Amino acid sequence: MMAERLRFSPAPTGSLHLGGARTALFNDLVARHTGGTLVLRFEDTDLARSDASNEPGLIADLRWLGVRWQEGPDEGGPFGPYRQSERADLYAEAVARLAASGHAYRCFCDEPMLEADRDADVAEGRAPRYRGACRSLPSDEAARRAREGEAYCWRFAVPDSGEILVTDLVHGPVRFDAGDIADFVIARADGGALYDLACAVDDAAMGITLVVRGDDHLPNTPRQVLLLRALGAEVPRYAHVPLVMGTDGRPLSKSRGAEPLSSLRGQGFLPEAVANHLALLGWSDPGGREVMSHDEIAAAFDLGRVSGSSPAHDTARLRWLNRKHMARLAADERARLVAGFLPDLPGVDRATAAAILADEVEVAGEAAVLVAGIACRLAPDAEAETALKAPAARAALEIARASLASSGDAASLGPAFRAAGLAAREAMPAVRAAVTGRAHGLPVATIVALLGVGKTLDRIVGALAG
């Protein structure tokens, strides 16, 4: 098995969302499985959108998820720097080499000219593309115009014909016709590299052997292959994984449905559960396991088992996995996790409350919602008012008061209601509403365990008096 060199290359334009986190995780899993190296590289050549202040959050989210890299802005390494904004000299050198070998040329076409060409292509039923007006300019004339201050950019001279074969580990062989690719811009006049050039130069310089990324990047790949060939560099292998879809069947994105990883972290999801969920979005364990640790997934992970179809993110499934991973924790560890999300509950011991609630929640952060109405009864909402006005409500409260007062045990409530001919589904919402102000929430027995019988009786009596 070849020890792969991979890279995860986020743009620091915002927080890490589920789709990006899955790509990072897949890279991490391949690196672990092959005993290879993962490089973290910030692609920040888009100066208008990139913001270095986003970097610490991205790093924190990746580390929380369990992604490990051996080289990066925070780790250092032999192929740094690991921010593209700090690698401008390498890109300028690549442009000079491409120009000297005839693979790149200055283009002086201004935006009005390019727009007119695009409009003409559309009017004639063709896909808009650059027509190569500057490709045949003599190099001495182009150099003179540049010296005289005329604005230009650098374009790559795409071969007129030929096949570009991309051997993709997910999609199989993907073939592109060079004749369908227009000469594309690789750098601004000041040498500032655009995405394709920076990506190709860095992959070559950092010795990347395998690129794992979303299949929205597949159209970029033939351009990067052409650049790598022209630079005399080794072309890495590629694995373009299908994008994660939302429940609406459209790809998740930062602007549509892709919850930031920091939000899941803040809600109390376990990183092991989130990693488990993301790994199963498009990949399946050969042994059919669904609940696995990070190390278990890495040991079994194989890009050959990644589906070519787009998976759908299902929050309900993530919650189910989180409950399974919660159950894997020792009782005291589970209680400590829940305790971290509990508000102050006057008169209620936090550790005791956490131990009681640890088995009631799928996600640790839900404990804070479930205890609403424990420390202080909430004003009844509409559902609670309905429960308290139900025909059987007063009888249920009278029975609950008598039963708790005589037995001191919430376990007596069920038998008492049945003896009176009341169904629990009718009686319990009224008792819960009387005690907490909410018709839905924790089991009544749990509420009594948290509040104590005395406080519970006080609130039932108050509700009856009201």
Protein backbone atom coordinates (compact mmCIF):
# COMPACT_ATOMS: atom_id res chain seq x y z
CA MET A 1 0.00 0.00 0.00
CA MET A 2 1.41 3.35 -1.07
CA ALA A 3 1.78 6.01 1.65
CA GLU A 4 -0.13 8.89 0.06
CA ARG A 5 0.58 12.60 0.33
CA LEU A 6 -2.74 14.44 0.40
CA ARG A 7 -3.85 17.98 1.04
CA PHE A 8 -6.95 19.65 2.37
CA SER A 9 -7.06 23.18 0.99
CA PRO A 10 -9.87 25.32 2.36
CA ALA A 11 -10.30 28.95 1.44
CA PRO A 12 -10.50 31.04 4.64
CA THR A 13 -13.70 32.74 3.54
CA GLY A 14 -15.89 31.62 6.43
CA SER A 15 -16.60 28.75 8.78
CA LEU A 16 -16.20 25.06 7.97
CA HIS A 17 -19.50 23.51 6.89
CA LEU A 18 -20.52 19.88 6.57
CA GLY A 19 -19.47 19.43 2.94
CA GLY A 20 -15.99 20.82 3.53
CA ALA A 21 -15.67 18.85 6.76
CA ARG A 22 -16.46 15.63 4.89
CA THR A 23 -13.77 16.37 2.31
CA ALA A 24 -11.26 17.03 5.09
CA LEU A 25 -12.29 13.81 6.83
CA PHE A 26 -11.92 11.69 3.67
CA ASN A 27 -8.39 13.08 3.19
CA ASP A 28 -7.58 12.30 6.81
CA LEU A 29 -8.94 8.76 6.52
CA VAL A 30 -6.88 7.99 3.42
CA ALA A 31 -3.74 9.39 5.06
CA ARG A 32 -4.30 7.28 8.17
CA HIS A 33 -5.20 4.16 6.21
CA THR A 34 -2.09 4.34 4.02
CA GLY A 35 0.30 5.62 6.69
CA GLY A 36 0.65 8.77 4.62
CA THR A 37 0.81 12.52 5.17
CA LEU A 38 -1.94 15.12 5.18
CA VAL A 39 -1.07 18.73 4.36
CA LEU A 40 -3.27 21.65 5.43
CA ARG A 41 -2.95 24.46 2.91
CA PHE A 42 -4.95 27.67 2.92
CA GLU A 43 -5.97 28.74 -0.58
CA ASP A 44 -6.29 32.48 -0.05
CA THR A 45 -5.48 33.91 -3.47
CA ASP A 46 -8.99 35.40 -3.64
CA LEU A 47 -8.02 38.49 -1.70
CA ALA A 48 -11.50 39.99 -1.85
CA ARG A 49 -13.11 37.05 -0.02
CA SER A 50 -10.32 35.54 2.05
CA ASP A 51 -9.90 36.65 5.64
CA ALA A 52 -7.06 35.39 7.80
CA SER A 53 -9.22 35.85 10.89
CA ASN A 54 -11.20 32.77 9.77
CA GLU A 55 -8.14 30.51 9.98
CA PRO A 56 -8.16 29.83 13.76
CA GLY A 57 -11.81 28.78 13.62
CA LEU A 58 -11.18 26.42 10.72
CA ILE A 59 -8.22 24.85 12.51
CA ALA A 60 -10.21 24.48 15.75
CA ASP A 61 -13.12 22.81 13.93
CA LEU A 62 -10.84 20.39 12.09
CA ARG A 63 -9.04 19.42 15.28
CA TRP A 64 -12.36 18.95 17.09
CA LEU A 65 -13.51 16.62 14.30
CA GLY A 66 -10.36 14.56 14.78
CA VAL A 67 -8.67 15.46 11.49
CA ARG A 68 -4.88 15.26 11.84
CA TRP A 69 -2.37 16.89 9.53
CA GLN A 70 1.38 16.68 9.67
CA GLU A 71 2.20 19.83 7.68
CA GLY A 72 0.44 23.17 7.66
CA PRO A 73 0.48 26.82 8.71
CA ASP A 74 0.42 25.84 12.38
CA GLU A 75 2.64 22.76 12.09
CA GLY A 76 5.28 23.96 9.66
CA GLY A 77 6.95 21.47 7.33
CA PRO A 78 9.52 21.15 4.55
CA PHE A 79 7.30 22.54 1.77
CA GLY A 80 6.03 25.73 3.38
CA PRO A 81 4.79 28.32 3.50
CA TYR A 82 1.32 26.79 3.62
CA ARG A 83 -0.68 29.87 2.68
CA GLN A 84 -0.94 30.63 -1.03
CA SER A 85 -0.73 34.35 -0.32
CA GLU A 86 2.83 33.71 0.88
CA ARG A 87 3.90 31.73 -2.20
CA ALA A 88 3.70 34.46 -4.85
CA ASP A 89 7.35 34.04 -5.90
CA LEU A 90 6.72 30.41 -6.83
CA TYR A 91 3.77 31.37 -9.01
CA ALA A 92 5.64 34.19 -10.73
CA GLU A 93 8.48 31.78 -11.49
CA ALA A 94 5.99 29.28 -12.95
CA VAL A 95 4.47 31.97 -15.19
CA ALA A 96 7.95 32.90 -16.44
CA ARG A 97 8.73 29.26 -17.22
CA LEU A 98 5.43 28.77 -19.03
CA ALA A 99 5.95 31.94 -21.06
CA ALA A 100 9.51 30.94 -21.96
CA SER A 101 8.33 27.52 -23.17
CA GLY A 102 5.48 29.01 -25.22
CA HIS A 103 2.75 27.65 -22.95
CA ALA A 104 1.62 31.08 -21.71
CA TYR A 105 1.16 34.48 -23.32
CA ARG A 106 0.11 38.00 -22.44
CA CYS A 107 -3.51 38.84 -23.24
CA PHE A 108 -4.46 42.51 -23.70
CA CYS A 109 -8.17 41.96 -24.43
CA ASP A 110 -10.21 44.27 -22.25
CA GLU A 111 -13.56 43.44 -20.67
CA PRO A 112 -15.75 45.22 -23.29
CA MET A 113 -14.05 43.19 -26.03
CA LEU A 114 -14.45 39.94 -24.14
CA GLU A 115 -18.08 40.73 -23.35
CA ALA A 116 -18.80 41.47 -27.01
CA ASP A 117 -17.29 38.10 -27.98
CA ARG A 118 -19.40 36.34 -25.36
CA ASP A 119 -22.55 38.03 -26.57
CA ALA A 120 -21.75 37.04 -30.16
CA ASP A 121 -21.18 33.41 -29.14
CA VAL A 122 -24.52 33.30 -27.33
CA ALA A 123 -26.31 34.93 -30.26
CA GLU A 124 -24.87 32.30 -32.60
CA GLY A 125 -25.80 29.42 -30.28
CA ARG A 126 -22.27 28.62 -29.12
CA ALA A 127 -20.92 28.26 -25.60
CA PRO A 128 -19.04 31.47 -24.75
CA ARG A 129 -15.27 31.09 -24.85
CA TYR A 130 -12.14 33.16 -25.35
CA ARG A 131 -11.30 33.31 -29.06
CA GLY A 132 -7.52 33.57 -28.75
CA ALA A 133 -7.13 37.07 -30.16
CA CYS A 134 -3.78 37.64 -28.42
CA ARG A 135 -2.35 34.17 -28.83
CA SER A 136 -0.58 34.99 -32.08
CA LEU A 137 0.92 38.28 -30.91
CA PRO A 138 4.71 38.30 -31.44
CA SER A 139 6.43 38.10 -28.06
CA ASP A 140 8.45 41.28 -28.68
CA GLU A 141 5.26 43.25 -29.46
CA ALA A 142 3.55 41.88 -26.36
CA ALA A 143 6.58 42.81 -24.24
CA ARG A 144 6.61 46.34 -25.69
CA ARG A 145 2.91 46.89 -24.98
CA ALA A 146 3.42 45.66 -21.43
CA ARG A 147 6.37 48.05 -20.93
CA GLU A 148 4.21 50.91 -22.16
CA GLY A 149 1.74 50.20 -19.40
CA GLU A 150 -1.04 48.50 -21.31
CA ALA A 151 -3.13 46.27 -19.01
CA TYR A 152 -2.87 42.54 -19.57
CA CYS A 153 -3.20 39.14 -17.97
CA TRP A 154 -1.44 35.82 -18.58
CA ARG A 155 -3.30 33.04 -20.40
CA PHE A 156 -2.37 29.40 -20.86
CA ALA A 157 -2.13 28.26 -24.49
CA VAL A 158 -4.31 25.14 -24.58
CA PRO A 159 -3.40 22.61 -27.29
CA ASP A 160 -5.78 22.73 -30.23
CA SER A 161 -6.57 19.03 -29.92
CA GLY A 162 -5.81 15.94 -27.93
CA GLU A 163 -7.32 13.96 -25.11
CA ILE A 164 -6.81 14.75 -21.43
CA LEU A 165 -7.39 11.58 -19.43
CA VAL A 166 -8.14 11.91 -15.73
CA THR A 167 -8.02 8.60 -13.90
CA ASP A 168 -10.48 9.20 -11.09
CA LEU A 169 -10.64 6.76 -8.20
CA VAL A 170 -14.37 7.40 -7.72
CA HIS A 171 -15.69 8.03 -11.23
CA GLY A 172 -13.22 5.94 -13.19
CA PRO A 173 -11.53 7.24 -16.38
CA VAL A 174 -12.84 10.70 -17.32
CA ARG A 175 -11.85 12.03 -20.73
CA PHE A 176 -11.70 15.66 -21.82
CA ASP A 177 -11.07 17.02 -25.32
CA ALA A 178 -8.49 19.81 -25.28
CA GLY A 179 -10.33 21.39 -28.19
CA ASP A 180 -13.25 22.08 -25.87
CA ILE A 181 -11.12 24.10 -23.46
CA ALA A 182 -10.47 27.75 -24.23
CA ASP A 183 -7.19 29.45 -23.36
CA PHE A 184 -7.70 30.32 -19.69
CA VAL A 185 -6.29 33.03 -17.47
CA ILE A 186 -3.61 31.83 -15.06
CA ALA A 187 -2.28 35.08 -13.58
CA ARG A 188 -2.82 38.79 -13.40
CA ALA A 189 -0.26 41.22 -14.85
CA ASP A 190 1.38 41.59 -11.43
CA GLY A 191 1.99 37.85 -11.35
CA GLY A 192 -0.84 37.20 -8.91
CA ALA A 193 -1.84 33.62 -9.57
CA LEU A 194 -5.40 32.47 -10.15
CA TYR A 195 -6.75 29.28 -8.65
CA ASP A 196 -5.74 26.74 -11.31
CA LEU A 197 -2.13 27.86 -11.50
CA ALA A 198 -1.66 28.18 -7.73
CA CYS A 199 -3.26 24.79 -7.19
CA ALA A 200 -1.12 23.03 -9.81
CA VAL A 201 2.12 24.68 -8.70
CA ASP A 202 1.50 23.86 -5.04
CA ASP A 203 0.46 20.26 -5.68
CA ALA A 204 3.68 19.76 -7.60
CA ALA A 205 5.92 21.59 -5.14
CA MET A 206 4.43 19.78 -2.14
CA GLY A 207 4.67 16.34 -3.75
CA ILE A 208 0.93 15.66 -3.55
CA THR A 209 0.25 12.16 -4.86
CA LEU A 210 -3.54 12.03 -4.44
CA VAL A 211 -6.09 14.86 -4.56
CA VAL A 212 -9.38 14.08 -2.82
CA ARG A 213 -11.97 16.81 -3.29
CA GLY A 214 -15.59 17.46 -4.24
CA ASP A 215 -16.67 16.60 -7.75
CA ASP A 216 -17.58 20.24 -8.36
CA HIS A 217 -13.81 20.55 -8.96
CA LEU A 218 -13.78 17.93 -11.71
CA PRO A 219 -14.15 20.57 -14.49
CA ASN A 220 -11.00 22.29 -13.13
CA THR A 221 -8.94 19.15 -13.32
CA PRO A 222 -8.06 19.09 -17.06
CA ARG A 223 -6.73 22.64 -16.82
CA GLN A 224 -4.57 21.70 -13.84
CA VAL A 225 -3.35 18.58 -15.63
CA LEU A 226 -2.34 20.69 -18.63
CA LEU A 227 -0.45 23.10 -16.36
CA LEU A 228 1.34 20.30 -14.55
CA ARG A 229 2.40 18.68 -17.83
CA ALA A 230 3.63 22.00 -19.19
CA LEU A 231 5.68 22.52 -16.03
CA GLY A 232 7.17 19.05 -16.34
CA ALA A 233 5.63 17.98 -13.03
CA GLU A 234 4.15 14.67 -11.93
CA VAL A 235 0.36 14.62 -12.20
CA PRO A 236 -1.29 13.34 -9.00
CA ARG A 237 -4.14 10.89 -9.00
CA TYR A 238 -7.59 12.27 -8.29
CA ALA A 239 -10.69 11.22 -6.40
CA HIS A 240 -13.67 13.51 -6.86
CA VAL A 241 -16.33 12.64 -4.31
CA PRO A 242 -19.98 13.50 -5.05
CA LEU A 243 -21.33 16.50 -3.22
CA VAL A 244 -23.53 16.06 -0.15
CA MET A 245 -27.17 16.88 -0.83
CA GLY A 246 -29.77 18.41 1.42
CA THR A 247 -33.29 17.15 1.91
CA ASP A 248 -34.33 19.30 -1.08
CA GLY A 249 -32.06 17.29 -3.38
CA ARG A 250 -29.73 20.23 -3.96
CA PRO A 251 -26.07 20.39 -2.92
CA LEU A 252 -25.44 21.69 0.57
CA SER A 253 -23.58 24.98 0.64
CA LYS A 254 -22.69 27.70 3.12
CA SER A 255 -25.76 29.62 1.96
CA ARG A 256 -28.18 26.69 1.85
CA GLY A 257 -28.55 24.11 4.57
CA ALA A 258 -24.92 23.33 5.34
CA GLU A 259 -24.72 23.71 9.10
CA PRO A 260 -21.36 25.03 10.31
CA LEU A 261 -19.34 22.48 12.21
CA SER A 262 -19.03 25.00 15.03
CA SER A 263 -22.82 24.94 15.40
CA LEU A 264 -22.88 21.17 15.85
CA ARG A 265 -20.06 21.50 18.35
CA GLY A 266 -22.00 24.17 20.25
CA GLN A 267 -25.10 21.98 20.35
CA GLY A 268 -23.18 19.24 22.08
CA PHE A 269 -22.78 16.71 19.29
CA LEU A 270 -19.87 14.35 19.84
CA PRO A 271 -17.03 14.72 17.32
CA GLU A 272 -16.90 10.90 16.99
CA ALA A 273 -20.56 10.86 15.96
CA VAL A 274 -20.16 13.70 13.46
CA ALA A 275 -17.10 12.01 11.90
CA ASN A 276 -19.01 8.70 11.79
CA HIS A 277 -21.95 10.40 10.08
CA LEU A 278 -19.77 12.22 7.54
CA ALA A 279 -17.81 9.07 6.69
CA LEU A 280 -21.02 7.21 5.90
CA LEU A 281 -22.15 9.93 3.49
CA GLY A 282 -21.14 8.07 0.37
CA TRP A 283 -18.92 5.37 1.89
CA SER A 284 -19.92 2.05 3.42
CA ASP A 285 -18.03 -0.23 5.74
CA PRO A 286 -17.23 -3.59 4.10
CA GLY A 287 -18.35 -5.30 7.32
CA GLY A 288 -21.69 -3.51 7.34
CA ARG A 289 -20.96 -1.65 10.59
CA GLU A 290 -22.70 1.67 11.16
CA VAL A 291 -21.43 2.84 14.55
CA MET A 292 -17.64 3.15 14.42
CA SER A 293 -14.83 5.10 16.01
CA HIS A 294 -12.50 7.30 13.96
CA ASP A 295 -9.77 4.66 14.13
CA GLU A 296 -12.17 1.88 13.13
CA ILE A 297 -13.29 3.87 10.10
CA ALA A 298 -9.69 4.67 9.09
CA ALA A 299 -8.70 1.02 9.28
CA ALA A 300 -11.50 0.05 6.88
CA PHE A 301 -11.62 3.13 4.65
CA ASP A 302 -11.12 2.64 0.92
CA LEU A 303 -11.93 5.19 -1.79
CA GLY A 304 -13.01 2.26 -3.96
CA ARG A 305 -16.07 1.94 -1.73
CA VAL A 306 -17.11 5.58 -2.18
CA SER A 307 -20.28 5.77 -4.23
CA GLY A 308 -20.45 7.82 -7.40
CA SER A 309 -23.93 8.99 -6.39
CA SER A 310 -24.56 11.99 -4.18
CA PRO A 311 -25.47 11.14 -0.57
CA ALA A 312 -28.09 13.02 1.43
CA HIS A 313 -27.44 14.56 4.82
CA ASP A 314 -30.10 13.45 7.29
CA THR A 315 -30.11 15.23 10.65
CA ALA A 316 -32.22 12.47 12.20
CA ARG A 317 -29.55 9.93 11.33
CA LEU A 318 -26.83 12.15 12.79
CA ARG A 319 -28.84 12.37 16.02
CA TRP A 320 -29.26 8.60 16.09
CA LEU A 321 -25.53 8.10 15.68
CA ASN A 322 -24.86 10.64 18.40
CA ARG A 323 -27.08 8.70 20.82
CA LYS A 324 -25.18 5.51 19.94
CA HIS A 325 -21.84 7.20 20.60
CA MET A 326 -23.17 8.71 23.82
CA ALA A 327 -24.05 5.18 24.93
CA ARG A 328 -20.44 4.12 24.29
CA LEU A 329 -19.21 6.59 26.91
CA ALA A 330 -18.82 5.61 30.55
CA ALA A 331 -21.69 6.87 32.72
CA ASP A 332 -19.55 9.42 34.53
CA GLU A 333 -18.09 10.74 31.28
CA ARG A 334 -21.56 11.06 29.78
CA ALA A 335 -22.75 12.93 32.87
CA ARG A 336 -19.76 15.33 32.76
CA LEU A 337 -20.54 16.08 29.12
CA VAL A 338 -24.18 16.90 29.90
CA ALA A 339 -23.21 18.93 32.98
CA GLY A 340 -21.28 21.32 30.76
CA PHE A 341 -24.51 22.39 29.08
CA LEU A 342 -26.72 22.72 32.16
CA PRO A 343 -27.69 26.16 33.47
CA ASP A 344 -27.66 26.87 37.18
CA LEU A 345 -30.58 25.13 38.86
CA PRO A 346 -31.06 26.60 42.36
CA GLY A 347 -31.62 23.82 44.84
CA VAL A 348 -30.65 21.13 42.33
CA ASP A 349 -27.22 19.53 42.41
CA ARG A 350 -25.64 19.88 38.95
CA ALA A 351 -23.88 16.51 39.05
CA THR A 352 -27.05 14.74 40.14
CA ALA A 353 -29.09 16.46 37.44
CA ALA A 354 -26.50 15.60 34.79
CA ALA A 355 -26.45 11.94 35.81
CA ILE A 356 -30.26 11.79 35.57
CA LEU A 357 -30.42 13.63 32.25
CA ALA A 358 -27.54 11.79 30.56
CA ASP A 359 -29.85 8.96 29.53
CA GLU A 360 -32.64 11.30 28.39
CA VAL A 361 -30.86 13.18 25.62
CA GLU A 362 -29.61 12.32 22.15
CA VAL A 363 -27.39 15.43 22.09
CA ALA A 364 -25.81 16.85 25.22
CA GLY A 365 -26.90 20.42 24.58
CA GLU A 366 -30.56 19.41 24.66
CA ALA A 367 -30.28 19.07 28.44
CA ALA A 368 -30.49 22.85 28.77
CA VAL A 369 -33.82 22.89 26.94
CA LEU A 370 -35.22 19.93 28.83
CA VAL A 371 -34.61 21.49 32.23
CA ALA A 372 -36.47 24.66 31.30
CA GLY A 373 -39.20 24.95 33.90
CA ILE A 374 -37.29 22.99 36.55
CA ALA A 375 -35.61 25.81 38.48
CA CYS A 376 -38.64 28.03 38.04
CA ARG A 377 -41.98 27.07 36.53
CA LEU A 378 -42.43 28.74 33.15
CA ALA A 379 -45.55 30.65 32.21
CA PRO A 380 -47.71 28.01 30.49
CA ASP A 381 -47.52 28.11 26.71
CA ALA A 382 -50.49 27.32 24.44
CA GLU A 383 -49.98 23.55 24.60
CA ALA A 384 -49.67 23.63 28.39
CA GLU A 385 -52.85 25.72 28.68
CA THR A 386 -54.66 23.16 26.54
CA ALA A 387 -53.37 20.30 28.69
CA LEU A 388 -54.48 22.06 31.89
CA LYS A 389 -57.97 22.71 30.48
CA ALA A 390 -58.48 19.13 29.26
CA PRO A 391 -61.52 17.33 30.81
CA ALA A 392 -59.33 14.94 32.78
CA ALA A 393 -56.75 17.51 33.88
CA ARG A 394 -58.11 18.41 37.30
CA ALA A 395 -58.71 14.78 38.22
CA ALA A 396 -55.17 13.92 37.09
CA LEU A 397 -53.69 16.65 39.31
CA GLU A 398 -55.77 15.59 42.32
CA ILE A 399 -54.67 11.98 41.90
CA ALA A 400 -51.02 13.01 41.42
CA ARG A 401 -51.12 15.14 44.59
CA ALA A 402 -52.61 12.35 46.68
CA SER A 403 -50.34 9.67 45.27
CA LEU A 404 -47.11 11.63 45.71
CA ALA A 405 -48.08 12.80 49.17
CA SER A 406 -48.78 9.27 50.36
CA SER A 407 -46.00 7.36 48.60
CA GLY A 408 -43.31 9.96 48.04
CA ASP A 409 -42.46 8.13 44.81
CA ALA A 410 -43.23 9.13 41.21
CA ALA A 411 -43.44 5.44 40.33
CA SER A 412 -46.85 5.42 42.06
CA LEU A 413 -48.40 7.79 39.52
CA GLY A 414 -48.93 5.31 36.70
CA PRO A 415 -50.79 2.72 38.82
CA ALA A 416 -52.83 5.48 40.47
CA PHE A 417 -53.97 6.87 37.13
CA ARG A 418 -54.86 3.41 35.83
CA ALA A 419 -56.83 2.64 38.99
CA ALA A 420 -58.87 5.80 38.36
CA GLY A 421 -59.44 4.87 34.73
CA LEU A 422 -57.17 7.60 33.36
CA ALA A 423 -54.74 6.92 30.50
CA ALA A 424 -51.20 8.15 31.06
CA ARG A 425 -51.30 10.00 27.73
CA GLU A 426 -54.15 12.13 29.15
CA ALA A 427 -52.86 12.56 32.69
CA MET A 428 -49.11 13.06 32.34
CA PRO A 429 -49.23 16.18 30.08
CA ALA A 430 -51.44 17.91 32.65
CA VAL A 431 -49.07 17.05 35.52
CA ARG A 432 -46.04 18.12 33.49
CA ALA A 433 -47.74 21.40 32.52
CA ALA A 434 -48.68 22.07 36.14
CA VAL A 435 -45.12 21.52 37.35
CA THR A 436 -43.01 23.04 34.54
CA GLY A 437 -45.36 25.12 32.37
CA ARG A 438 -44.81 22.80 29.40
CA ALA A 439 -46.96 19.88 28.24
CA HIS A 440 -44.01 18.13 26.57
CA GLY A 441 -40.52 17.42 27.81
CA LEU A 442 -38.89 15.18 30.36
CA PRO A 443 -40.76 12.20 31.80
CA VAL A 444 -42.68 13.22 34.92
CA ALA A 445 -40.65 10.75 37.00
CA THR A 446 -37.45 12.50 35.90
CA ILE A 447 -38.91 15.91 36.75
CA VAL A 448 -39.82 14.66 40.23
CA ALA A 449 -36.32 13.22 40.66
CA LEU A 450 -34.81 16.61 39.82
CA LEU A 451 -37.20 18.78 41.81
CA GLY A 452 -37.93 16.51 44.69
CA VAL A 453 -41.37 15.44 45.86
CA GLY A 454 -41.90 18.51 48.05
CA LYS A 455 -41.38 21.12 45.32
CA THR A 456 -43.36 19.03 42.86
CA LEU A 457 -46.32 18.91 45.26
CA ASP A 458 -46.10 22.67 45.86
CA ARG A 459 -46.45 23.33 42.14
CA ILE A 460 -49.32 20.86 41.70
CA VAL A 461 -51.15 22.48 44.61
CA GLY A 462 -50.53 25.90 43.10
CA ALA A 463 -51.94 24.79 39.76
CA LEU A 464 -55.04 23.39 41.46
CA ALA A 465 -55.54 26.63 43.36
CA GLY A 466 -55.18 28.65 40.19
